[in-house]
Amino acid sequence: VDETRLFSTARTPARIWADMHTHALGPTTGLVAEWTFDEGTGPTTADKSGTGNAATLGATSAVETSDPTWISSTVPH
């Protein structure tokens, strides 16, 4: 998974299509959280929406051997 957005409002197909290739929308009406997974290490990912909803990727916010593995990608944003 790379770049996940959560909205509190319905979005039209046209609006989804228009924003689909935008790496980080930042503060946007109805945007509750936006995770771009750019950190590359650690058990959390920052929220780029401006609402402060960081996500925990493992079972806890502590670094553990069971945490997901970060994989570098060459796919453009």
N, C-alpha and C. Protein backbone atom coordinates (compact mmCIF):
# COMPACT_ATOMS: atom_id res chain seq x y z
N VAL A 1 0.85 -1.17 0.00
CA VAL A 1 0.00 0.00 0.00
C VAL A 1 0.89 1.23 0.00
N ASP A 2 0.57 2.18 -0.83
CA ASP A 2 1.29 3.45 -0.86
C ASP A 2 0.28 4.55 -1.11
N GLU A 3 0.28 5.53 -0.25
CA GLU A 3 -0.61 6.68 -0.33
C GLU A 3 -2.07 6.29 -0.14
N THR A 4 -2.54 6.45 1.07
CA THR A 4 -3.91 6.14 1.43
C THR A 4 -4.57 7.40 1.99
N ARG A 5 -5.78 7.67 1.54
CA ARG A 5 -6.53 8.85 2.01
C ARG A 5 -7.87 8.42 2.56
N LEU A 6 -8.30 9.10 3.62
CA LEU A 6 -9.59 8.83 4.23
C LEU A 6 -10.37 10.15 4.27
N PHE A 7 -11.57 10.13 3.69
CA PHE A 7 -12.42 11.32 3.63
C PHE A 7 -13.68 11.12 4.46
N SER A 8 -14.20 12.21 5.01
CA SER A 8 -15.46 12.16 5.76
C SER A 8 -16.63 12.55 4.88
N THR A 9 -16.38 12.84 3.63
CA THR A 9 -17.42 13.24 2.69
C THR A 9 -17.33 12.37 1.43
N ALA A 10 -18.45 12.26 0.74
CA ALA A 10 -18.46 11.53 -0.53
C ALA A 10 -17.69 12.35 -1.57
N ARG A 11 -17.00 11.65 -2.46
CA ARG A 11 -16.26 12.32 -3.52
C ARG A 11 -16.75 11.83 -4.87
N THR A 12 -16.81 12.71 -5.82
CA THR A 12 -17.26 12.33 -7.15
C THR A 12 -16.14 11.58 -7.87
N PRO A 13 -16.47 10.74 -8.83
CA PRO A 13 -15.43 10.09 -9.61
C PRO A 13 -14.48 11.10 -10.27
N ALA A 14 -15.01 12.23 -10.72
CA ALA A 14 -14.17 13.25 -11.35
C ALA A 14 -13.15 13.82 -10.36
N ARG A 15 -13.56 14.05 -9.11
CA ARG A 15 -12.65 14.60 -8.09
C ARG A 15 -11.59 13.57 -7.72
N ILE A 16 -12.00 12.31 -7.60
CA ILE A 16 -11.03 11.24 -7.31
C ILE A 16 -10.00 11.16 -8.43
N TRP A 17 -10.47 11.18 -9.65
CA TRP A 17 -9.57 11.09 -10.81
C TRP A 17 -8.61 12.29 -10.84
N ALA A 18 -9.11 13.47 -10.56
CA ALA A 18 -8.29 14.68 -10.61
C ALA A 18 -7.17 14.65 -9.56
N ASP A 19 -7.45 14.05 -8.40
CA ASP A 19 -6.46 14.02 -7.31
C ASP A 19 -5.62 12.75 -7.28
N MET A 20 -5.93 11.79 -8.12
CA MET A 20 -5.31 10.47 -8.04
C MET A 20 -3.79 10.50 -8.13
N HIS A 21 -3.22 11.34 -8.94
CA HIS A 21 -1.76 11.36 -9.12
C HIS A 21 -1.10 12.51 -8.36
N THR A 22 -1.80 13.08 -7.39
CA THR A 22 -1.23 14.11 -6.53
C THR A 22 -0.62 13.42 -5.33
N HIS A 23 0.69 13.59 -5.12
CA HIS A 23 1.39 12.85 -4.06
C HIS A 23 0.83 13.17 -2.69
N ALA A 24 0.67 14.42 -2.35
CA ALA A 24 0.14 14.79 -1.03
C ALA A 24 -0.83 15.95 -1.20
N LEU A 25 -2.10 15.71 -0.89
CA LEU A 25 -3.10 16.77 -1.02
C LEU A 25 -2.94 17.83 0.06
N GLY A 26 -2.53 17.41 1.26
CA GLY A 26 -2.47 18.34 2.37
C GLY A 26 -3.87 18.74 2.79
N PRO A 27 -4.01 19.80 3.59
CA PRO A 27 -5.34 20.19 4.08
C PRO A 27 -6.33 20.37 2.92
N THR A 28 -7.40 19.57 2.94
CA THR A 28 -8.42 19.56 1.90
C THR A 28 -9.77 19.32 2.56
N THR A 29 -10.81 19.96 2.08
CA THR A 29 -12.14 19.79 2.65
C THR A 29 -12.53 18.31 2.70
N GLY A 30 -12.92 17.85 3.88
CA GLY A 30 -13.36 16.47 4.06
C GLY A 30 -12.24 15.46 4.25
N LEU A 31 -10.99 15.86 4.07
CA LEU A 31 -9.87 14.93 4.23
C LEU A 31 -9.59 14.73 5.71
N VAL A 32 -9.75 13.50 6.18
CA VAL A 32 -9.56 13.16 7.59
C VAL A 32 -8.13 12.72 7.86
N ALA A 33 -7.56 11.97 6.92
CA ALA A 33 -6.18 11.49 7.07
C ALA A 33 -5.59 11.18 5.70
N GLU A 34 -4.29 11.39 5.58
CA GLU A 34 -3.57 11.10 4.35
C GLU A 34 -2.20 10.55 4.73
N TRP A 35 -1.98 9.29 4.41
CA TRP A 35 -0.72 8.64 4.74
C TRP A 35 0.01 8.33 3.44
N THR A 36 1.21 8.89 3.27
CA THR A 36 2.00 8.66 2.05
C THR A 36 3.10 7.62 2.25
N PHE A 37 3.29 7.19 3.48
CA PHE A 37 4.26 6.13 3.80
C PHE A 37 5.65 6.45 3.28
N ASP A 38 6.10 7.68 3.49
CA ASP A 38 7.42 8.11 3.02
C ASP A 38 8.53 7.92 4.06
N GLU A 39 8.19 7.50 5.28
CA GLU A 39 9.18 7.43 6.35
C GLU A 39 10.30 6.44 6.07
N GLY A 40 9.97 5.25 5.60
CA GLY A 40 10.98 4.26 5.28
C GLY A 40 11.45 3.42 6.45
N THR A 41 11.20 3.84 7.68
CA THR A 41 11.56 3.08 8.87
C THR A 41 10.56 3.38 9.98
N GLY A 42 10.54 2.53 10.98
CA GLY A 42 9.72 2.77 12.16
C GLY A 42 8.32 2.20 12.06
N PRO A 43 7.61 2.21 13.21
CA PRO A 43 6.29 1.60 13.28
C PRO A 43 5.12 2.56 13.06
N THR A 44 5.40 3.81 12.66
CA THR A 44 4.31 4.76 12.44
C THR A 44 4.51 5.49 11.12
N THR A 45 3.42 6.07 10.63
CA THR A 45 3.49 6.91 9.44
C THR A 45 2.72 8.20 9.71
N ALA A 46 3.27 9.30 9.26
CA ALA A 46 2.70 10.61 9.54
C ALA A 46 1.45 10.87 8.69
N ASP A 47 0.59 11.71 9.21
CA ASP A 47 -0.62 12.13 8.52
C ASP A 47 -0.32 13.46 7.84
N LYS A 48 -0.44 13.51 6.51
CA LYS A 48 -0.15 14.73 5.75
C LYS A 48 -1.38 15.62 5.56
N SER A 49 -2.53 15.24 6.14
CA SER A 49 -3.76 16.01 5.95
C SER A 49 -3.82 17.27 6.80
N GLY A 50 -2.98 17.34 7.82
CA GLY A 50 -3.02 18.47 8.73
C GLY A 50 -3.92 18.22 9.95
N THR A 51 -4.53 17.03 10.03
CA THR A 51 -5.40 16.73 11.16
C THR A 51 -4.70 15.94 12.27
N GLY A 52 -3.46 15.53 12.04
CA GLY A 52 -2.68 14.87 13.08
C GLY A 52 -3.05 13.43 13.36
N ASN A 53 -3.55 12.71 12.39
CA ASN A 53 -3.94 11.31 12.58
C ASN A 53 -2.83 10.35 12.12
N ALA A 54 -1.72 10.34 12.84
CA ALA A 54 -0.64 9.41 12.51
C ALA A 54 -1.16 7.98 12.64
N ALA A 55 -0.60 7.07 11.87
CA ALA A 55 -1.03 5.68 11.89
C ALA A 55 0.05 4.79 12.47
N THR A 56 -0.36 3.85 13.31
CA THR A 56 0.54 2.83 13.83
C THR A 56 0.49 1.65 12.88
N LEU A 57 1.65 1.23 12.39
CA LEU A 57 1.71 0.17 11.39
C LEU A 57 1.87 -1.22 12.00
N GLY A 58 2.38 -1.29 13.23
CA GLY A 58 2.54 -2.56 13.92
C GLY A 58 1.48 -2.72 14.99
N ALA A 59 1.69 -3.68 15.86
CA ALA A 59 0.74 -3.93 16.94
C ALA A 59 0.75 -2.80 17.97
N THR A 60 1.91 -2.14 18.14
CA THR A 60 2.06 -1.03 19.08
C THR A 60 2.94 0.03 18.43
N SER A 61 3.11 1.16 19.09
CA SER A 61 3.98 2.20 18.54
C SER A 61 5.45 1.95 18.86
N ALA A 62 5.76 0.89 19.61
CA ALA A 62 7.15 0.52 19.88
C ALA A 62 7.71 -0.28 18.70
N VAL A 63 9.01 -0.19 18.49
CA VAL A 63 9.66 -0.98 17.44
C VAL A 63 9.70 -2.43 17.89
N GLU A 64 9.14 -3.33 17.07
CA GLU A 64 9.07 -4.74 17.39
C GLU A 64 9.43 -5.57 16.16
N THR A 65 9.89 -6.78 16.37
CA THR A 65 10.28 -7.64 15.24
C THR A 65 9.08 -8.01 14.38
N SER A 66 7.87 -7.90 14.92
CA SER A 66 6.67 -8.24 14.15
C SER A 66 6.14 -7.07 13.31
N ASP A 67 6.81 -5.90 13.38
CA ASP A 67 6.37 -4.75 12.60
C ASP A 67 6.45 -5.03 11.11
N PRO A 68 5.62 -4.38 10.31
CA PRO A 68 5.72 -4.52 8.85
C PRO A 68 7.09 -4.08 8.36
N THR A 69 7.52 -4.62 7.25
CA THR A 69 8.81 -4.30 6.66
C THR A 69 8.64 -3.20 5.62
N TRP A 70 9.45 -2.16 5.71
CA TRP A 70 9.43 -1.09 4.71
C TRP A 70 10.18 -1.58 3.48
N ILE A 71 9.65 -1.32 2.31
CA ILE A 71 10.29 -1.69 1.06
C ILE A 71 10.41 -0.43 0.21
N SER A 72 11.61 -0.14 -0.28
CA SER A 72 11.81 1.01 -1.14
C SER A 72 11.21 0.75 -2.50
N SER A 73 10.68 1.79 -3.11
CA SER A 73 10.05 1.67 -4.42
C SER A 73 10.64 2.69 -5.38
N THR A 74 10.71 2.31 -6.63
CA THR A 74 11.15 3.24 -7.67
C THR A 74 9.96 3.78 -8.48
N VAL A 75 8.76 3.40 -8.06
CA VAL A 75 7.55 3.87 -8.75
C VAL A 75 7.39 5.36 -8.48
N PRO A 76 7.21 6.16 -9.53
CA PRO A 76 7.04 7.61 -9.30
C PRO A 76 5.74 7.92 -8.57
N HIS A 77 5.70 9.04 -7.90
CA HIS A 77 4.51 9.45 -7.15
C HIS A 77 3.38 9.74 -8.08
